[in-house]
Amino acid sequence: MEDEKEQLIKRVERLKRKVESHPNSTTMMNVARNLRLERDREKKLAEQRQEQSTLIQHEDQRIRRLQSQLNDTRQAAVGANPEGNK
């Protein structure tokens, strides 16, 4: 695990030196950072959209179930005989 960490650190340092030698490195790094941030934001929005879609589906099912119960209750009330309570 430590060896992997050291290898990654060395690799990052090599890449950093390589990038810093490029004339537009600061601009490119800023663009890359902004792209990463935008992709992260897009991913979070997609997750929120999926969660909201799932919630909507559950609430639609709940509405259908409650409407069915309401219709059943109304049908039972229509079929009830008020004189049967005597």
C-alpha atoms as a PDB file:
ATOM      1  CA  MET A   1       0.000   0.000   0.000  1.00  0.00           C
ATOM      2  CA  GLU A   2       2.809   2.398   0.890  1.00  0.00           C
ATOM      3  CA  ASP A   3       4.649   1.434  -2.298  1.00  0.00           C
ATOM      4  CA  GLU A   4       1.588   2.253  -4.364  1.00  0.00           C
ATOM      5  CA  LYS A   5       1.260   5.589  -2.583  1.00  0.00           C
ATOM      6  CA  GLU A   6       4.904   6.414  -3.268  1.00  0.00           C
ATOM      7  CA  GLN A   7       4.535   5.445  -6.927  1.00  0.00           C
ATOM      8  CA  LEU A   8       1.491   7.651  -7.277  1.00  0.00           C
ATOM      9  CA  ILE A   9       3.253  10.574  -5.623  1.00  0.00           C
ATOM     10  CA  LYS A  10       6.222  10.208  -7.955  1.00  0.00           C
ATOM     11  CA  ARG A  11       3.962   9.939 -10.972  1.00  0.00           C
ATOM     12  CA  VAL A  12       2.022  13.035  -9.972  1.00  0.00           C
ATOM     13  CA  GLU A  13       5.262  14.952  -9.470  1.00  0.00           C
ATOM     14  CA  ARG A  14       6.565  13.899 -12.891  1.00  0.00           C
ATOM     15  CA  LEU A  15       3.321  14.919 -14.565  1.00  0.00           C
ATOM     16  CA  LYS A  16       3.305  18.176 -12.643  1.00  0.00           C
ATOM     17  CA  ARG A  17       6.818  19.055 -13.860  1.00  0.00           C
ATOM     18  CA  LYS A  18       5.860  18.112 -17.398  1.00  0.00           C
ATOM     19  CA  VAL A  19       2.737  20.279 -17.325  1.00  0.00           C
ATOM     20  CA  GLU A  20       4.497  23.220 -15.670  1.00  0.00           C
ATOM     21  CA  SER A  21       7.007  23.313 -18.513  1.00  0.00           C
ATOM     22  CA  HIS A  22       4.195  23.944 -20.986  1.00  0.00           C
ATOM     23  CA  PRO A  23       3.690  27.663 -21.828  1.00  0.00           C
ATOM     24  CA  ASN A  24      -0.072  27.648 -21.107  1.00  0.00           C
ATOM     25  CA  SER A  25       0.040  25.362 -18.088  1.00  0.00           C
ATOM     26  CA  THR A  26      -1.821  27.716 -15.738  1.00  0.00           C
ATOM     27  CA  THR A  27      -4.622  28.256 -18.215  1.00  0.00           C
ATOM     28  CA  MET A  28      -4.836  24.574 -19.014  1.00  0.00           C
ATOM     29  CA  MET A  29      -4.919  23.639 -15.326  1.00  0.00           C
ATOM     30  CA  ASN A  30      -7.709  26.151 -14.692  1.00  0.00           C
ATOM     31  CA  VAL A  31      -9.691  24.821 -17.633  1.00  0.00           C
ATOM     32  CA  ALA A  32      -9.175  21.232 -16.444  1.00  0.00           C
ATOM     33  CA  ARG A  33     -10.249  22.158 -12.895  1.00  0.00           C
ATOM     34  CA  ASN A  34     -13.358  23.944 -14.196  1.00  0.00           C
ATOM     35  CA  LEU A  35     -14.215  20.967 -16.384  1.00  0.00           C
ATOM     36  CA  ARG A  36     -13.869  18.599 -13.438  1.00  0.00           C
ATOM     37  CA  LEU A  37     -16.048  20.836 -11.260  1.00  0.00           C
ATOM     38  CA  GLU A  38     -18.682  21.076 -13.982  1.00  0.00           C
ATOM     39  CA  ARG A  39     -18.713  17.303 -14.461  1.00  0.00           C
ATOM     40  CA  ASP A  40     -19.084  16.806 -10.704  1.00  0.00           C
ATOM     41  CA  ARG A  41     -21.969  19.277 -10.685  1.00  0.00           C
ATOM     42  CA  GLU A  42     -23.578  17.519 -13.647  1.00  0.00           C
ATOM     43  CA  LYS A  43     -23.254  14.154 -11.908  1.00  0.00           C
ATOM     44  CA  LYS A  44     -24.892  15.501  -8.745  1.00  0.00           C
ATOM     45  CA  LEU A  45     -27.735  17.002 -10.771  1.00  0.00           C
ATOM     46  CA  ALA A  46     -28.277  13.687 -12.558  1.00  0.00           C
ATOM     47  CA  GLU A  47     -28.421  11.903  -9.195  1.00  0.00           C
ATOM     48  CA  GLN A  48     -30.923  14.453  -7.871  1.00  0.00           C
ATOM     49  CA  ARG A  49     -33.024  14.055 -11.003  1.00  0.00           C
ATOM     50  CA  GLN A  50     -33.066  10.274 -10.570  1.00  0.00           C
ATOM     51  CA  GLU A  51     -34.040  10.592  -6.901  1.00  0.00           C
ATOM     52  CA  GLN A  52     -36.836  13.005  -7.753  1.00  0.00           C
ATOM     53  CA  SER A  53     -38.062  10.756 -10.545  1.00  0.00           C
ATOM     54  CA  THR A  54     -38.194   7.822  -8.131  1.00  0.00           C
ATOM     55  CA  LEU A  55     -40.085   9.934  -5.576  1.00  0.00           C
ATOM     56  CA  ILE A  56     -42.575  10.997  -8.224  1.00  0.00           C
ATOM     57  CA  GLN A  57     -43.181   7.374  -9.217  1.00  0.00           C
ATOM     58  CA  HIS A  58     -43.784   6.403  -5.581  1.00  0.00           C
ATOM     59  CA  GLU A  59     -46.168   9.304  -5.052  1.00  0.00           C
ATOM     60  CA  ASP A  60     -48.047   8.466  -8.266  1.00  0.00           C
ATOM     61  CA  GLN A  61     -48.486   4.899  -6.994  1.00  0.00           C
ATOM     62  CA  ARG A  62     -49.707   6.259  -3.652  1.00  0.00           C
ATOM     63  CA  ILE A  63     -52.204   8.547  -5.389  1.00  0.00           C
ATOM     64  CA  ARG A  64     -53.564   5.659  -7.477  1.00  0.00           C
ATOM     65  CA  ARG A  65     -53.886   3.480  -4.372  1.00  0.00           C
ATOM     66  CA  LEU A  66     -55.694   6.221  -2.416  1.00  0.00           C
ATOM     67  CA  GLN A  67     -58.006   6.951  -5.354  1.00  0.00           C
ATOM     68  CA  SER A  68     -58.855   3.279  -5.543  1.00  0.00           C
ATOM     69  CA  GLN A  69     -59.591   3.198  -1.815  1.00  0.00           C
ATOM     70  CA  LEU A  70     -61.753   6.300  -2.154  1.00  0.00           C
ATOM     71  CA  ASN A  71     -63.700   4.746  -5.019  1.00  0.00           C
ATOM     72  CA  ASP A  72     -64.167   1.525  -3.023  1.00  0.00           C
ATOM     73  CA  THR A  73     -65.410   3.516  -0.023  1.00  0.00           C
ATOM     74  CA  ARG A  74     -67.833   5.486  -2.199  1.00  0.00           C
ATOM     75  CA  GLN A  75     -69.139   2.284  -3.784  1.00  0.00           C
ATOM     76  CA  ALA A  76     -69.615   0.758  -0.350  1.00  0.00           C
ATOM     77  CA  ALA A  77     -71.458   3.872   0.817  1.00  0.00           C
ATOM     78  CA  VAL A  78     -73.775   3.797  -2.202  1.00  0.00           C
ATOM     79  CA  GLY A  79     -74.517   0.134  -1.606  1.00  0.00           C
ATOM     80  CA  ALA A  80     -75.190   0.622   2.109  1.00  0.00           C
ATOM     81  CA  ASN A  81     -78.831   0.622   3.117  1.00  0.00           C
ATOM     82  CA  PRO A  82     -79.670   3.306   5.706  1.00  0.00           C
ATOM     83  CA  GLU A  83     -82.661   1.200   6.881  1.00  0.00           C
ATOM     84  CA  GLY A  84     -80.319  -1.687   7.651  1.00  0.00           C
ATOM     85  CA  ASN A  85     -79.097   0.155  10.723  1.00  0.00           C
ATOM     86  CA  LYS A  86     -82.400  -0.332  12.527  1.00  0.00           C
END
